[in-house]
Amino acid sequence: MHATSIPLAQLVVSNLNVRKALDAGQEDSTVEELAASIREKGLLSPLTVRPLADGRFEILVGQRRYLACKLVPLDPVPCFVRQGLSDADAISLSLIENVHRADMHPIDKAKALQALYAKHGSYEGVAKESACSIATIRRYLKLLELPPVLQDRIGTAEGPSGISALSRLASTFSGDEAVSAYNEISGFTQRVQEEILKRCNGDLERLDELVEEAQEGVFDIRRCGATGGCQLVRDIVQGRLSEAEFSSMIKVATSETIGAATILRDAATSFWRALARVDA
């Protein structure tokens, strides 16, 4: 790999780039805003490209930065050039650069992991290359079984717990039934969604009954110290309770605490983040 500057006219966007939905997670950072930053400070992170037979260079990492450079315009563009990459290697590079970004669209991530699975033929191989757990890989690949209409509605705002619920939805229903089930449960927290799906056993009529129970608050109770251990801890570890939901619970629980409320909330945040790093 070597660093150089390449004219804009010689750069082309790769069809292999795993990040297709460039606007996903970018509500607070548009390409125009990125261009403004480049005008002020320059391009702080060069693009990663590979040479093509026709003399041009294919962008593997940095598509949004490239679009922003065109707006500035910044010409030529600082780049890292990678030699001798196969298509599979290019996909892997794009995935590794993007897969741990919170703003990567879940379907893009799922398709990238699917491409790596096709390359390695095993979850273990994908986990080794992507640094994702096997449980996480399985959850994302399940998203590709959802009907296209639901895939289009998935965004980065779903978060890890949302992906867990959607993965269970794909395992429980298919086709129009999956759409109907999603429409019924989408208003609940991710933890409640997953509980409804777990208990309905693929029966839409039973799901209707569980939705009514959920509306009455049946699933809003968590008990610690039960025979099976602490449900709250399991929910965090298994991705069913988001940091925002947990913080809201702590805020309510400490609303009447004098003096120590902030300390308790900071400790609770650290508690959630420590547990969330544990593979389910």
Protein backbone atom coordinates (compact mmCIF):
# COMPACT_ATOMS: atom_id res chain seq x y z
CA MET A 1 0.00 0.00 0.00
CA HIS A 2 1.28 3.48 -0.82
CA ALA A 3 -0.09 7.01 -0.46
CA THR A 4 -0.59 9.32 -3.42
CA SER A 5 -2.96 11.97 -4.80
CA ILE A 6 -5.29 10.96 -7.64
CA PRO A 7 -7.34 13.28 -9.93
CA LEU A 8 -11.10 13.13 -9.38
CA ALA A 9 -11.61 12.11 -13.01
CA GLN A 10 -9.64 8.91 -12.40
CA LEU A 11 -11.69 7.80 -9.38
CA VAL A 12 -14.75 5.54 -9.71
CA VAL A 13 -17.10 4.20 -7.02
CA SER A 14 -16.84 0.45 -6.54
CA ASN A 15 -19.88 -1.78 -6.93
CA LEU A 16 -18.25 -3.93 -4.27
CA ASN A 17 -18.46 -1.23 -1.58
CA VAL A 18 -20.53 -2.73 1.23
CA ARG A 19 -22.00 0.63 2.24
CA LYS A 20 -24.85 1.35 -0.20
CA ALA A 21 -27.19 3.47 1.96
CA LEU A 22 -24.97 6.52 2.36
CA ASP A 23 -27.64 8.55 4.15
CA ALA A 24 -28.20 5.92 6.86
CA GLY A 25 -27.27 7.32 10.27
CA GLN A 26 -26.21 10.63 8.69
CA GLU A 27 -29.10 12.81 9.81
CA ASP A 28 -26.61 14.99 11.71
CA SER A 29 -23.76 14.79 9.17
CA THR A 30 -24.65 15.21 5.50
CA VAL A 31 -22.28 15.02 2.54
CA GLU A 32 -22.63 18.81 2.26
CA GLU A 33 -21.51 19.24 5.87
CA LEU A 34 -18.60 16.88 5.27
CA ALA A 35 -17.63 19.00 2.25
CA ALA A 36 -17.69 22.13 4.43
CA SER A 37 -15.37 20.41 6.91
CA ILE A 38 -12.97 19.42 4.09
CA ARG A 39 -12.93 23.03 2.84
CA GLU A 40 -11.95 24.21 6.31
CA LYS A 41 -9.57 21.46 7.47
CA GLY A 42 -8.72 19.43 4.38
CA LEU A 43 -9.29 15.68 3.91
CA LEU A 44 -8.06 14.17 7.16
CA SER A 45 -8.61 10.53 6.14
CA PRO A 46 -7.53 9.51 2.59
CA LEU A 47 -9.65 7.22 0.43
CA THR A 48 -8.62 3.59 -0.05
CA VAL A 49 -8.54 2.53 -3.72
CA ARG A 50 -7.25 -0.20 -6.01
CA PRO A 51 -5.97 0.25 -9.59
CA LEU A 52 -8.09 -0.87 -12.56
CA ALA A 53 -6.85 -2.18 -15.91
CA ASP A 54 -8.05 0.98 -17.71
CA GLY A 55 -5.88 3.29 -15.60
CA ARG A 56 -8.62 4.44 -13.25
CA PHE A 57 -8.85 3.71 -9.53
CA GLU A 58 -11.76 1.99 -7.79
CA ILE A 59 -12.86 3.44 -4.43
CA LEU A 60 -13.13 0.70 -1.83
CA VAL A 61 -13.35 2.82 1.33
CA GLY A 62 -14.42 6.47 1.55
CA GLN A 63 -17.35 6.86 -0.85
CA ARG A 64 -18.94 9.69 1.17
CA ARG A 65 -15.59 11.46 1.39
CA TYR A 66 -15.24 11.15 -2.40
CA LEU A 67 -18.68 12.71 -2.96
CA ALA A 68 -17.77 15.52 -0.55
CA CYS A 69 -14.47 16.10 -2.38
CA LYS A 70 -16.42 16.54 -5.62
CA LEU A 71 -18.51 19.25 -3.95
CA VAL A 72 -15.53 21.20 -2.58
CA PRO A 73 -13.99 20.53 -5.18
CA LEU A 74 -10.78 18.93 -3.90
CA ASP A 75 -8.71 17.77 -6.85
CA PRO A 76 -6.52 15.71 -6.75
CA VAL A 77 -7.69 13.56 -3.79
CA PRO A 78 -5.34 11.97 -1.23
CA CYS A 79 -5.60 8.16 -1.49
CA PHE A 80 -4.10 4.94 -0.20
CA VAL A 81 -3.54 2.55 -3.14
CA ARG A 82 -3.88 -1.19 -2.49
CA GLN A 83 -2.35 -3.51 -5.08
CA GLY A 84 -3.35 -7.05 -6.04
CA LEU A 85 -6.73 -7.21 -4.30
CA SER A 86 -9.27 -9.78 -5.53
CA ASP A 87 -12.98 -8.92 -5.46
CA ALA A 88 -13.37 -11.02 -2.30
CA ASP A 89 -10.46 -9.17 -0.69
CA ALA A 90 -11.98 -5.82 -1.72
CA ILE A 91 -15.32 -6.75 -0.11
CA SER A 92 -13.52 -7.85 3.04
CA LEU A 93 -11.59 -4.59 3.23
CA SER A 94 -14.74 -2.52 2.77
CA LEU A 95 -16.54 -4.55 5.41
CA ILE A 96 -13.76 -4.36 7.97
CA GLU A 97 -13.54 -0.58 7.51
CA ASN A 98 -17.31 -0.13 7.92
CA VAL A 99 -18.82 -3.01 9.89
CA HIS A 100 -18.29 -1.54 13.35
CA ARG A 101 -19.63 1.89 12.39
CA ALA A 102 -22.86 2.66 14.23
CA ASP A 103 -24.18 4.46 11.14
CA MET A 104 -23.80 1.58 8.66
CA HIS A 105 -27.17 0.45 7.34
CA PRO A 106 -28.08 -2.99 8.80
CA ILE A 107 -28.99 -4.46 5.40
CA ASP A 108 -25.65 -3.31 3.93
CA LYS A 109 -23.90 -4.95 6.87
CA ALA A 110 -25.95 -8.13 6.44
CA LYS A 111 -25.10 -8.35 2.73
CA ALA A 112 -21.43 -7.79 3.44
CA LEU A 113 -21.41 -10.54 6.06
CA GLN A 114 -23.24 -12.78 3.59
CA ALA A 115 -20.50 -12.14 1.02
CA LEU A 116 -17.87 -13.09 3.58
CA TYR A 117 -19.81 -16.23 4.42
CA ALA A 118 -19.81 -17.17 0.73
CA LYS A 119 -16.04 -16.62 0.73
CA HIS A 120 -15.24 -18.62 3.89
CA GLY A 121 -18.11 -21.11 4.00
CA SER A 122 -18.34 -20.93 7.79
CA TYR A 123 -19.46 -18.58 10.55
CA GLU A 124 -16.10 -19.07 12.24
CA GLY A 125 -14.26 -17.74 9.19
CA VAL A 126 -16.52 -14.69 9.00
CA ALA A 127 -16.12 -14.04 12.74
CA LYS A 128 -12.33 -14.21 12.47
CA GLU A 129 -12.15 -11.74 9.59
CA SER A 130 -14.87 -9.31 10.69
CA ALA A 131 -14.26 -9.42 14.47
CA CYS A 132 -18.02 -9.92 14.93
CA SER A 133 -19.35 -12.67 17.19
CA ILE A 134 -21.03 -15.67 15.56
CA ALA A 135 -24.28 -14.74 17.32
CA THR A 136 -24.15 -11.26 15.79
CA ILE A 137 -23.39 -12.65 12.32
CA ARG A 138 -26.36 -15.03 12.51
CA ARG A 139 -28.68 -12.20 13.57
CA TYR A 140 -27.65 -9.99 10.66
CA LEU A 141 -27.92 -12.76 8.07
CA LYS A 142 -31.46 -13.46 9.29
CA LEU A 143 -32.43 -9.92 8.25
CA LEU A 144 -32.00 -10.94 4.60
CA GLU A 145 -34.90 -13.38 5.03
CA LEU A 146 -37.29 -10.52 5.78
CA PRO A 147 -39.64 -9.34 2.98
CA PRO A 148 -38.16 -6.49 0.89
CA VAL A 149 -40.75 -4.04 2.24
CA LEU A 150 -39.42 -4.60 5.77
CA GLN A 151 -35.79 -4.48 4.68
CA ASP A 152 -36.53 -1.05 3.20
CA ARG A 153 -37.94 0.13 6.54
CA ILE A 154 -34.96 -0.96 8.60
CA GLY A 155 -32.56 1.81 9.53
CA THR A 156 -29.61 2.37 11.83
CA ALA A 157 -31.96 3.81 14.46
CA GLU A 158 -33.08 0.24 15.15
CA GLY A 159 -29.81 -0.34 17.02
CA PRO A 160 -28.43 -3.71 18.20
CA SER A 161 -31.52 -4.60 20.24
CA GLY A 162 -33.74 -3.80 17.25
CA ILE A 163 -31.68 -6.11 15.07
CA SER A 164 -32.17 -8.88 17.61
CA ALA A 165 -35.96 -8.46 17.51
CA LEU A 166 -36.02 -8.27 13.70
CA SER A 167 -33.89 -11.39 13.48
CA ARG A 168 -36.39 -13.22 15.66
CA LEU A 169 -39.20 -11.86 13.46
CA ALA A 170 -37.50 -13.39 10.41
CA SER A 171 -37.19 -16.71 12.26
CA THR A 172 -40.87 -16.66 13.28
CA PHE A 173 -42.81 -15.31 10.28
CA SER A 174 -42.28 -14.91 6.54
CA GLY A 175 -43.86 -12.96 3.67
CA ASP A 176 -47.05 -11.03 4.36
CA GLU A 177 -47.34 -12.55 7.83
CA ALA A 178 -43.99 -11.01 8.77
CA VAL A 179 -45.22 -7.61 7.60
CA SER A 180 -48.46 -7.96 9.56
CA ALA A 181 -46.59 -9.05 12.68
CA TYR A 182 -44.13 -6.16 12.39
CA ASN A 183 -46.94 -3.63 12.02
CA GLU A 184 -48.56 -4.92 15.20
CA ILE A 185 -45.48 -4.94 17.42
CA SER A 186 -43.47 -2.00 16.06
CA GLY A 187 -44.82 0.43 18.66
CA PHE A 188 -43.37 -1.53 21.60
CA THR A 189 -39.85 -1.50 23.00
CA GLN A 190 -37.46 -3.95 21.39
CA ARG A 191 -37.48 -6.17 24.48
CA VAL A 192 -41.26 -6.44 24.44
CA GLN A 193 -41.27 -7.09 20.68
CA GLU A 194 -38.92 -10.02 21.18
CA GLU A 195 -40.94 -11.39 24.08
CA ILE A 196 -44.15 -11.30 22.02
CA LEU A 197 -42.46 -13.06 19.11
CA LYS A 198 -40.97 -15.68 21.41
CA ARG A 199 -44.32 -16.50 23.01
CA CYS A 200 -46.52 -16.44 19.90
CA ASN A 201 -44.76 -19.45 18.36
CA GLY A 202 -45.48 -18.31 14.81
CA ASP A 203 -49.25 -17.97 15.36
CA LEU A 204 -50.68 -14.59 14.30
CA GLU A 205 -53.84 -15.07 16.38
CA ARG A 206 -51.73 -15.74 19.46
CA LEU A 207 -49.64 -12.67 18.56
CA ASP A 208 -52.82 -10.56 18.59
CA GLU A 209 -53.58 -11.78 22.12
CA LEU A 210 -50.02 -11.07 23.28
CA VAL A 211 -50.16 -7.55 21.81
CA GLU A 212 -53.27 -6.87 23.92
CA GLU A 213 -51.45 -8.18 27.01
CA ALA A 214 -48.44 -6.01 26.20
CA GLN A 215 -50.68 -2.94 25.92
CA GLU A 216 -51.84 -3.72 29.45
CA GLY A 217 -48.21 -3.76 30.67
CA VAL A 218 -47.88 -7.50 31.22
CA PHE A 219 -44.30 -7.58 29.87
CA ASP A 220 -43.03 -4.46 31.63
CA ILE A 221 -41.89 -6.29 34.81
CA ARG A 222 -38.32 -7.51 35.29
CA ARG A 223 -37.42 -9.64 38.28
CA CYS A 224 -33.88 -10.13 39.58
CA GLY A 225 -32.91 -13.07 41.75
CA ALA A 226 -35.40 -15.47 40.18
CA THR A 227 -34.60 -19.13 39.62
CA GLY A 228 -33.22 -18.41 36.16
CA GLY A 229 -31.05 -15.53 37.35
CA CYS A 230 -31.45 -11.83 36.70
CA GLN A 231 -33.70 -11.13 33.71
CA LEU A 232 -32.43 -7.57 33.53
CA VAL A 233 -28.84 -8.76 33.08
CA ARG A 234 -29.88 -11.33 30.45
CA ASP A 235 -31.79 -8.63 28.52
CA ILE A 236 -28.71 -6.42 28.37
CA VAL A 237 -26.28 -9.21 27.46
CA GLN A 238 -28.59 -10.59 24.76
CA GLY A 239 -29.23 -7.15 23.22
CA ARG A 240 -32.91 -6.83 24.18
CA LEU A 241 -32.51 -3.76 26.40
CA SER A 242 -30.92 -0.69 24.81
CA GLU A 243 -28.79 1.80 26.71
CA ALA A 244 -31.51 4.43 26.25
CA GLU A 245 -34.18 2.15 27.74
CA PHE A 246 -31.94 1.23 30.68
CA SER A 247 -31.04 4.87 31.30
CA SER A 248 -34.75 5.75 31.33
CA MET A 249 -35.38 3.04 33.94
CA ILE A 250 -32.55 4.34 36.12
CA LYS A 251 -33.78 7.91 35.77
CA VAL A 252 -37.22 6.91 37.05
CA ALA A 253 -35.76 4.80 39.85
CA THR A 254 -33.50 7.62 41.07
CA SER A 255 -35.92 10.51 40.55
CA GLU A 256 -36.47 10.90 44.29
CA THR A 257 -32.86 10.20 45.31
CA ILE A 258 -31.17 13.24 46.80
CA GLY A 259 -27.53 13.98 46.04
CA ALA A 260 -26.42 10.62 44.66
CA ALA A 261 -28.68 10.44 41.58
CA THR A 262 -25.97 11.51 39.12
CA ILE A 263 -23.43 9.09 40.58
CA LEU A 264 -25.95 6.23 40.39
CA ARG A 265 -26.83 7.03 36.78
CA ASP A 266 -23.15 7.17 35.74
CA ALA A 267 -22.55 3.83 37.44
CA ALA A 268 -25.61 2.35 35.71
CA THR A 269 -24.34 3.52 32.31
CA SER A 270 -20.99 1.83 32.93
CA PHE A 271 -22.85 -1.31 34.08
CA TRP A 272 -24.92 -1.45 30.85
CA ARG A 273 -21.91 -0.86 28.60
CA ALA A 274 -19.84 -3.55 30.33
CA LEU A 275 -22.62 -6.13 29.98
CA ALA A 276 -23.43 -5.13 26.38
CA ARG A 277 -19.90 -6.12 25.31
CA VAL A 278 -20.48 -9.72 26.42
CA ASP A 279 -21.51 -12.06 23.58
CA ALA A 280 -24.95 -13.60 24.11
